[in-house]
Amino acid sequence: MRALNSPRPAQVRFDPDRPGCPGQVDGEAVESLRESWLVEDRWWTARPLRRRYWELVGVRGRNVVVFHDLCSGRWFVQAG
């Protein structure tokens, strides 16, 4: 049994024409950016949470949410 909406590792590449926005997620090009936000939580604990999220639309019309874990440097897709 696993939790719903568990993040999974992702391959993210940046497009030089769109600085600061992922240009490709797991091999699919990004058509547009819907939203981006920063989450900082548990800063008072030994394991703080710092993530930059992007809600994107792929070229096939699929919505995808990815985040960059700013503590570990790793990328994840927030699965539905």
PDB file of N, CA and C in Angstrom:
ATOM      1  N   MET A   1       0.834  -1.168   0.000  1.00  0.00           N
ATOM      2  CA  MET A   1       0.000   0.000   0.000  1.00  0.00           C
ATOM      3  C   MET A   1       0.886   1.240   0.000  1.00  0.00           C
ATOM      4  N   ARG A   2       0.519   2.235  -0.825  1.00  0.00           N
ATOM      5  CA  ARG A   2       1.269   3.487  -0.854  1.00  0.00           C
ATOM      6  C   ARG A   2       0.291   4.651  -0.774  1.00  0.00           C
ATOM      7  N   ALA A   3       0.809   5.774  -0.338  1.00  0.00           N
ATOM      8  CA  ALA A   3      -0.032   6.969  -0.213  1.00  0.00           C
ATOM      9  C   ALA A   3      -0.409   7.496  -1.600  1.00  0.00           C
ATOM     10  N   LEU A   4      -1.611   8.016  -1.704  1.00  0.00           N
ATOM     11  CA  LEU A   4      -2.017   8.666  -2.946  1.00  0.00           C
ATOM     12  C   LEU A   4      -1.249   9.963  -3.113  1.00  0.00           C
ATOM     13  N   ASN A   5      -1.056  10.341  -4.356  1.00  0.00           N
ATOM     14  CA  ASN A   5      -0.391  11.598  -4.682  1.00  0.00           C
ATOM     15  C   ASN A   5       1.067  11.642  -4.226  1.00  0.00           C
ATOM     16  N   SER A   6       1.705  10.461  -4.146  1.00  0.00           N
ATOM     17  CA  SER A   6       3.116  10.411  -3.755  1.00  0.00           C
ATOM     18  C   SER A   6       3.997  10.952  -4.871  1.00  0.00           C
ATOM     19  N   PRO A   7       4.964  11.790  -4.535  1.00  0.00           N
ATOM     20  CA  PRO A   7       5.870  12.284  -5.570  1.00  0.00           C
ATOM     21  C   PRO A   7       6.784  11.166  -6.065  1.00  0.00           C
ATOM     22  N   ARG A   8       7.156  11.249  -7.342  1.00  0.00           N
ATOM     23  CA  ARG A   8       8.114  10.302  -7.903  1.00  0.00           C
ATOM     24  C   ARG A   8       9.234  11.097  -8.562  1.00  0.00           C
ATOM     25  N   PRO A   9      10.447  10.544  -8.588  1.00  0.00           N
ATOM     26  CA  PRO A   9      11.569  11.261  -9.208  1.00  0.00           C
ATOM     27  C   PRO A   9      11.274  11.627 -10.660  1.00  0.00           C
ATOM     28  N   ALA A  10      11.800  12.760 -11.089  1.00  0.00           N
ATOM     29  CA  ALA A  10      11.556  13.248 -12.449  1.00  0.00           C
ATOM     30  C   ALA A  10      12.864  13.726 -13.077  1.00  0.00           C
ATOM     31  N   GLN A  11      12.888  13.647 -14.399  1.00  0.00           N
ATOM     32  CA  GLN A  11      13.986  14.217 -15.187  1.00  0.00           C
ATOM     33  C   GLN A  11      13.495  15.555 -15.717  1.00  0.00           C
ATOM     34  N   VAL A  12      14.142  16.631 -15.334  1.00  0.00           N
ATOM     35  CA  VAL A  12      13.718  17.970 -15.752  1.00  0.00           C
ATOM     36  C   VAL A  12      14.877  18.650 -16.485  1.00  0.00           C
ATOM     37  N   ARG A  13      14.549  19.238 -17.619  1.00  0.00           N
ATOM     38  CA  ARG A  13      15.542  20.013 -18.388  1.00  0.00           C
ATOM     39  C   ARG A  13      14.991  21.419 -18.586  1.00  0.00           C
ATOM     40  N   PHE A  14      15.897  22.376 -18.603  1.00  0.00           N
ATOM     41  CA  PHE A  14      15.488  23.765 -18.783  1.00  0.00           C
ATOM     42  C   PHE A  14      15.678  24.185 -20.231  1.00  0.00           C
ATOM     43  N   ASP A  15      14.808  25.063 -20.679  1.00  0.00           N
ATOM     44  CA  ASP A  15      14.858  25.625 -22.023  1.00  0.00           C
ATOM     45  C   ASP A  15      15.530  26.990 -21.921  1.00  0.00           C
ATOM     46  N   PRO A  16      16.622  27.222 -22.663  1.00  0.00           N
ATOM     47  CA  PRO A  16      17.302  28.520 -22.553  1.00  0.00           C
ATOM     48  C   PRO A  16      16.428  29.702 -22.991  1.00  0.00           C
ATOM     49  N   ASP A  17      15.370  29.430 -23.771  1.00  0.00           N
ATOM     50  CA  ASP A  17      14.475  30.504 -24.196  1.00  0.00           C
ATOM     51  C   ASP A  17      13.490  30.913 -23.101  1.00  0.00           C
ATOM     52  N   ARG A  18      13.357  30.076 -22.054  1.00  0.00           N
ATOM     53  CA  ARG A  18      12.463  30.364 -20.930  1.00  0.00           C
ATOM     54  C   ARG A  18      13.232  30.235 -19.623  1.00  0.00           C
ATOM     55  N   PRO A  19      14.048  31.207 -19.288  1.00  0.00           N
ATOM     56  CA  PRO A  19      14.852  31.096 -18.065  1.00  0.00           C
ATOM     57  C   PRO A  19      13.983  30.929 -16.818  1.00  0.00           C
ATOM     58  N   GLY A  20      14.395  29.998 -15.959  1.00  0.00           N
ATOM     59  CA  GLY A  20      13.698  29.785 -14.703  1.00  0.00           C
ATOM     60  C   GLY A  20      12.480  28.906 -14.776  1.00  0.00           C
ATOM     61  N   CYS A  21      12.140  28.399 -15.955  1.00  0.00           N
ATOM     62  CA  CYS A  21      10.964  27.545 -16.120  1.00  0.00           C
ATOM     63  C   CYS A  21      11.387  26.238 -16.779  1.00  0.00           C
ATOM     64  N   PRO A  22      10.966  25.090 -16.239  1.00  0.00           N
ATOM     65  CA  PRO A  22      11.299  23.826 -16.887  1.00  0.00           C
ATOM     66  C   PRO A  22      10.808  23.806 -18.335  1.00  0.00           C
ATOM     67  N   GLY A  23      11.648  23.285 -19.222  1.00  0.00           N
ATOM     68  CA  GLY A  23      11.297  23.197 -20.638  1.00  0.00           C
ATOM     69  C   GLY A  23      10.918  21.801 -21.061  1.00  0.00           C
ATOM     70  N   GLN A  24      11.269  20.810 -20.207  1.00  0.00           N
ATOM     71  CA  GLN A  24      10.971  19.416 -20.522  1.00  0.00           C
ATOM     72  C   GLN A  24      10.881  18.632 -19.221  1.00  0.00           C
ATOM     73  N   VAL A  25       9.858  17.770 -19.112  1.00  0.00           N
ATOM     74  CA  VAL A  25       9.684  16.924 -17.934  1.00  0.00           C
ATOM     75  C   VAL A  25       9.519  15.488 -18.414  1.00  0.00           C
ATOM     76  N   ASP A  26      10.417  14.627 -17.974  1.00  0.00           N
ATOM     77  CA  ASP A  26      10.411  13.210 -18.352  1.00  0.00           C
ATOM     78  C   ASP A  26      10.263  13.018 -19.861  1.00  0.00           C
ATOM     79  N   GLY A  27      10.989  13.823 -20.622  1.00  0.00           N
ATOM     80  CA  GLY A  27      11.017  13.692 -22.071  1.00  0.00           C
ATOM     81  C   GLY A  27       9.918  14.417 -22.823  1.00  0.00           C
ATOM     82  N   GLU A  28       8.938  14.975 -22.125  1.00  0.00           N
ATOM     83  CA  GLU A  28       7.854  15.715 -22.792  1.00  0.00           C
ATOM     84  C   GLU A  28       8.120  17.212 -22.696  1.00  0.00           C
ATOM     85  N   ALA A  29       8.070  17.877 -23.840  1.00  0.00           N
ATOM     86  CA  ALA A  29       8.273  19.326 -23.864  1.00  0.00           C
ATOM     87  C   ALA A  29       7.129  20.038 -23.155  1.00  0.00           C
ATOM     88  N   VAL A  30       7.450  21.173 -22.559  1.00  0.00           N
ATOM     89  CA  VAL A  30       6.464  21.989 -21.854  1.00  0.00           C
ATOM     90  C   VAL A  30       5.908  23.028 -22.820  1.00  0.00           C
ATOM     91  N   GLU A  31       4.587  23.073 -22.917  1.00  0.00           N
ATOM     92  CA  GLU A  31       3.900  24.048 -23.766  1.00  0.00           C
ATOM     93  C   GLU A  31       3.756  25.392 -23.054  1.00  0.00           C
ATOM     94  N   SER A  32       3.342  25.333 -21.770  1.00  0.00           N
ATOM     95  CA  SER A  32       3.132  26.593 -21.050  1.00  0.00           C
ATOM     96  C   SER A  32       3.227  26.390 -19.540  1.00  0.00           C
ATOM     97  N   LEU A  33       3.464  27.484 -18.871  1.00  0.00           N
ATOM     98  CA  LEU A  33       3.512  27.539 -17.412  1.00  0.00           C
ATOM     99  C   LEU A  33       2.181  28.091 -16.922  1.00  0.00           C
ATOM    100  N   ARG A  34       1.544  27.370 -16.005  1.00  0.00           N
ATOM    101  CA  ARG A  34       0.287  27.854 -15.434  1.00  0.00           C
ATOM    102  C   ARG A  34       0.539  28.642 -14.153  1.00  0.00           C
ATOM    103  N   GLU A  35       1.464  28.130 -13.320  1.00  0.00           N
ATOM    104  CA  GLU A  35       1.684  28.761 -12.021  1.00  0.00           C
ATOM    105  C   GLU A  35       2.997  28.252 -11.432  1.00  0.00           C
ATOM    106  N   SER A  36       3.606  29.055 -10.572  1.00  0.00           N
ATOM    107  CA  SER A  36       4.797  28.649  -9.838  1.00  0.00           C
ATOM    108  C   SER A  36       4.694  29.206  -8.422  1.00  0.00           C
ATOM    109  N   TRP A  37       5.154  28.425  -7.453  1.00  0.00           N
ATOM    110  CA  TRP A  37       5.094  28.889  -6.067  1.00  0.00           C
ATOM    111  C   TRP A  37       6.189  28.214  -5.244  1.00  0.00           C
ATOM    112  N   LEU A  38       6.498  28.814  -4.110  1.00  0.00           N
ATOM    113  CA  LEU A  38       7.518  28.331  -3.189  1.00  0.00           C
ATOM    114  C   LEU A  38       6.849  27.894  -1.896  1.00  0.00           C
ATOM    115  N   VAL A  39       7.269  26.725  -1.384  1.00  0.00           N
ATOM    116  CA  VAL A  39       6.770  26.226  -0.095  1.00  0.00           C
ATOM    117  C   VAL A  39       7.958  26.097   0.847  1.00  0.00           C
ATOM    118  N   GLU A  40       7.863  26.750   1.982  1.00  0.00           N
ATOM    119  CA  GLU A  40       8.860  26.622   3.041  1.00  0.00           C
ATOM    120  C   GLU A  40       8.113  26.268   4.316  1.00  0.00           C
ATOM    121  N   ASP A  41       8.424  25.090   4.864  1.00  0.00           N
ATOM    122  CA  ASP A  41       7.699  24.600   6.033  1.00  0.00           C
ATOM    123  C   ASP A  41       8.668  23.820   6.916  1.00  0.00           C
ATOM    124  N   ARG A  42       8.267  23.572   8.115  1.00  0.00           N
ATOM    125  CA  ARG A  42       9.050  22.817   9.094  1.00  0.00           C
ATOM    126  C   ARG A  42      10.443  23.406   9.298  1.00  0.00           C
ATOM    127  N   TRP A  43      10.575  24.718   9.117  1.00  0.00           N
ATOM    128  CA  TRP A  43      11.865  25.376   9.271  1.00  0.00           C
ATOM    129  C   TRP A  43      12.395  25.265  10.691  1.00  0.00           C
ATOM    130  N   TRP A  44      11.528  24.981  11.629  1.00  0.00           N
ATOM    131  CA  TRP A  44      11.904  24.901  13.033  1.00  0.00           C
ATOM    132  C   TRP A  44      12.388  23.500  13.417  1.00  0.00           C
ATOM    133  N   THR A  45      12.363  22.543  12.470  1.00  0.00           N
ATOM    134  CA  THR A  45      12.764  21.166  12.761  1.00  0.00           C
ATOM    135  C   THR A  45      14.135  20.862  12.166  1.00  0.00           C
ATOM    136  N   ALA A  46      14.617  19.667  12.456  1.00  0.00           N
ATOM    137  CA  ALA A  46      15.893  19.209  11.884  1.00  0.00           C
ATOM    138  C   ALA A  46      15.751  18.851  10.401  1.00  0.00           C
ATOM    139  N   ARG A  47      14.499  18.699   9.921  1.00  0.00           N
ATOM    140  CA  ARG A  47      14.260  18.355   8.515  1.00  0.00           C
ATOM    141  C   ARG A  47      13.309  19.359   7.874  1.00  0.00           C
ATOM    142  N   PRO A  48      13.803  20.560   7.586  1.00  0.00           N
ATOM    143  CA  PRO A  48      12.935  21.569   6.975  1.00  0.00           C
ATOM    144  C   PRO A  48      12.530  21.158   5.558  1.00  0.00           C
ATOM    145  N   LEU A  49      11.442  21.739   5.096  1.00  0.00           N
ATOM    146  CA  LEU A  49      10.935  21.471   3.752  1.00  0.00           C
ATOM    147  C   LEU A  49      11.001  22.759   2.953  1.00  0.00           C
ATOM    148  N   ARG A  50      11.730  22.722   1.828  1.00  0.00           N
ATOM    149  CA  ARG A  50      11.830  23.887   0.918  1.00  0.00           C
ATOM    150  C   ARG A  50      11.678  23.360  -0.492  1.00  0.00           C
ATOM    151  N   ARG A  51      10.597  23.751  -1.152  1.00  0.00           N
ATOM    152  CA  ARG A  51      10.318  23.269  -2.503  1.00  0.00           C
ATOM    153  C   ARG A  51       9.825  24.404  -3.391  1.00  0.00           C
ATOM    154  N   ARG A  52      10.285  24.396  -4.641  1.00  0.00           N
ATOM    155  CA  ARG A  52       9.757  25.297  -5.671  1.00  0.00           C
ATOM    156  C   ARG A  52       8.915  24.438  -6.592  1.00  0.00           C
ATOM    157  N   TYR A  53       7.640  24.790  -6.715  1.00  0.00           N
ATOM    158  CA  TYR A  53       6.682  24.045  -7.537  1.00  0.00           C
ATOM    159  C   TYR A  53       6.393  24.784  -8.839  1.00  0.00           C
ATOM    160  N   TRP A  54       6.096  24.006  -9.895  1.00  0.00           N
ATOM    161  CA  TRP A  54       5.629  24.532 -11.172  1.00  0.00           C
ATOM    162  C   TRP A  54       4.441  23.697 -11.618  1.00  0.00           C
ATOM    163  N   GLU A  55       3.357  24.352 -11.989  1.00  0.00           N
ATOM    164  CA  GLU A  55       2.241  23.666 -12.639  1.00  0.00           C
ATOM    165  C   GLU A  55       2.377  23.975 -14.134  1.00  0.00           C
ATOM    166  N   LEU A  56       2.549  22.928 -14.921  1.00  0.00           N
ATOM    167  CA  LEU A  56       2.882  23.064 -16.332  1.00  0.00           C
ATOM    168  C   LEU A  56       1.854  22.350 -17.207  1.00  0.00           C
ATOM    169  N   VAL A  57       1.839  22.721 -18.483  1.00  0.00           N
ATOM    170  CA  VAL A  57       1.046  22.017 -19.488  1.00  0.00           C
ATOM    171  C   VAL A  57       2.022  21.502 -20.534  1.00  0.00           C
ATOM    172  N   GLY A  58       1.991  20.172 -20.769  1.00  0.00           N
ATOM    173  CA  GLY A  58       2.866  19.566 -21.760  1.00  0.00           C
ATOM    174  C   GLY A  58       2.317  19.755 -23.168  1.00  0.00           C
ATOM    175  N   VAL A  59       3.143  19.453 -24.156  1.00  0.00           N
ATOM    176  CA  VAL A  59       2.726  19.627 -25.551  1.00  0.00           C
ATOM    177  C   VAL A  59       1.563  18.706 -25.929  1.00  0.00           C
ATOM    178  N   ARG A  60       1.358  17.631 -25.180  1.00  0.00           N
ATOM    179  CA  ARG A  60       0.216  16.734 -25.439  1.00  0.00           C
ATOM    180  C   ARG A  60      -1.034  17.159 -24.665  1.00  0.00           C
ATOM    181  N   GLY A  61      -0.962  18.326 -23.998  1.00  0.00           N
ATOM    182  CA  GLY A  61      -2.112  18.855 -23.277  1.00  0.00           C
ATOM    183  C   GLY A  61      -2.253  18.360 -21.851  1.00  0.00           C
ATOM    184  N   ARG A  62      -1.295  17.602 -21.382  1.00  0.00           N
ATOM    185  CA  ARG A  62      -1.353  17.024 -20.030  1.00  0.00           C
ATOM    186  C   ARG A  62      -0.863  18.040 -19.006  1.00  0.00           C
ATOM    187  N   ASN A  63      -1.621  18.233 -17.931  1.00  0.00           N
ATOM    188  CA  ASN A  63      -1.177  19.066 -16.814  1.00  0.00           C
ATOM    189  C   ASN A  63      -0.230  18.250 -15.948  1.00  0.00           C
ATOM    190  N   VAL A  64       0.832  18.884 -15.504  1.00  0.00           N
ATOM    191  CA  VAL A  64       1.795  18.201 -14.642  1.00  0.00           C
ATOM    192  C   VAL A  64       2.307  19.196 -13.605  1.00  0.00           C
ATOM    193  N   VAL A  65       2.480  18.705 -12.381  1.00  0.00           N
ATOM    194  CA  VAL A  65       3.059  19.518 -11.315  1.00  0.00           C
ATOM    195  C   VAL A  65       4.403  18.896 -10.961  1.00  0.00           C
ATOM    196  N   VAL A  66       5.452  19.690 -11.065  1.00  0.00           N
ATOM    197  CA  VAL A  66       6.796  19.245 -10.690  1.00  0.00           C
ATOM    198  C   VAL A  66       7.308  20.143  -9.580  1.00  0.00           C
ATOM    199  N   PHE A  67       8.212  19.586  -8.774  1.00  0.00           N
ATOM    200  CA  PHE A  67       8.858  20.438  -7.782  1.00  0.00           C
ATOM    201  C   PHE A  67      10.327  20.102  -7.668  1.00  0.00           C
ATOM    202  N   HIS A  68      11.085  21.131  -7.315  1.00  0.00           N
ATOM    203  CA  HIS A  68      12.511  21.021  -7.060  1.00  0.00           C
ATOM    204  C   HIS A  68      12.688  21.092  -5.557  1.00  0.00           C
ATOM    205  N   ASP A  69      13.182  20.007  -4.962  1.00  0.00           N
ATOM    206  CA  ASP A  69      13.457  19.993  -3.531  1.00  0.00           C
ATOM    207  C   ASP A  69      14.732  20.806  -3.319  1.00  0.00           C
ATOM    208  N   LEU A  70      14.600  21.966  -2.734  1.00  0.00           N
ATOM    209  CA  LEU A  70      15.725  22.885  -2.580  1.00  0.00           C
ATOM    210  C   LEU A  70      16.710  22.439  -1.512  1.00  0.00           C
ATOM    211  N   CYS A  71      16.322  21.476  -0.688  1.00  0.00           N
ATOM    212  CA  CYS A  71      17.252  20.939   0.314  1.00  0.00           C
ATOM    213  C   CYS A  71      18.136  19.845  -0.282  1.00  0.00           C
ATOM    214  N   SER A  72      17.552  18.970  -1.101  1.00  0.00           N
ATOM    215  CA  SER A  72      18.314  17.851  -1.673  1.00  0.00           C
ATOM    216  C   SER A  72      18.800  18.131  -3.094  1.00  0.00           C
ATOM    217  N   GLY A  73      18.162  19.095  -3.780  1.00  0.00           N
ATOM    218  CA  GLY A  73      18.507  19.375  -5.161  1.00  0.00           C
ATOM    219  C   GLY A  73      17.834  18.446  -6.162  1.00  0.00           C
ATOM    220  N   ARG A  74      16.981  17.544  -5.704  1.00  0.00           N
ATOM    221  CA  ARG A  74      16.333  16.568  -6.581  1.00  0.00           C
ATOM    222  C   ARG A  74      15.001  17.102  -7.106  1.00  0.00           C
ATOM    223  N   TRP A  75      14.569  16.550  -8.256  1.00  0.00           N
ATOM    224  CA  TRP A  75      13.321  16.919  -8.916  1.00  0.00           C
ATOM    225  C   TRP A  75      12.306  15.792  -8.783  1.00  0.00           C
ATOM    226  N   PHE A  76      11.025  16.184  -8.670  1.00  0.00           N
ATOM    227  CA  PHE A  76       9.941  15.207  -8.534  1.00  0.00           C
ATOM    228  C   PHE A  76       8.717  15.655  -9.318  1.00  0.00           C
ATOM    229  N   VAL A  77       7.943  14.673  -9.754  1.00  0.00           N
ATOM    230  CA  VAL A  77       6.609  14.914 -10.309  1.00  0.00           C
ATOM    231  C   VAL A  77       5.640  14.589  -9.192  1.00  0.00           C
ATOM    232  N   GLN A  78       4.684  15.474  -8.975  1.00  0.00           N
ATOM    233  CA  GLN A  78       3.637  15.221  -7.980  1.00  0.00           C
ATOM    234  C   GLN A  78       2.544  14.453  -8.698  1.00  0.00           C
ATOM    235  N   ALA A  79       2.517  13.147  -8.493  1.00  0.00           N
ATOM    236  CA  ALA A  79       1.579  12.282  -9.216  1.00  0.00           C
ATOM    237  C   ALA A  79       0.154  12.461  -8.696  1.00  0.00           C
ATOM    238  N   GLY A  80      -0.801  12.173  -9.582  1.00  0.00           N
ATOM    239  CA  GLY A  80      -2.212  12.301  -9.207  1.00  0.00           C
ATOM    240  C   GLY A  80      -2.832  10.984  -8.897  1.00  0.00           C
TER     241      GLY A  80
END
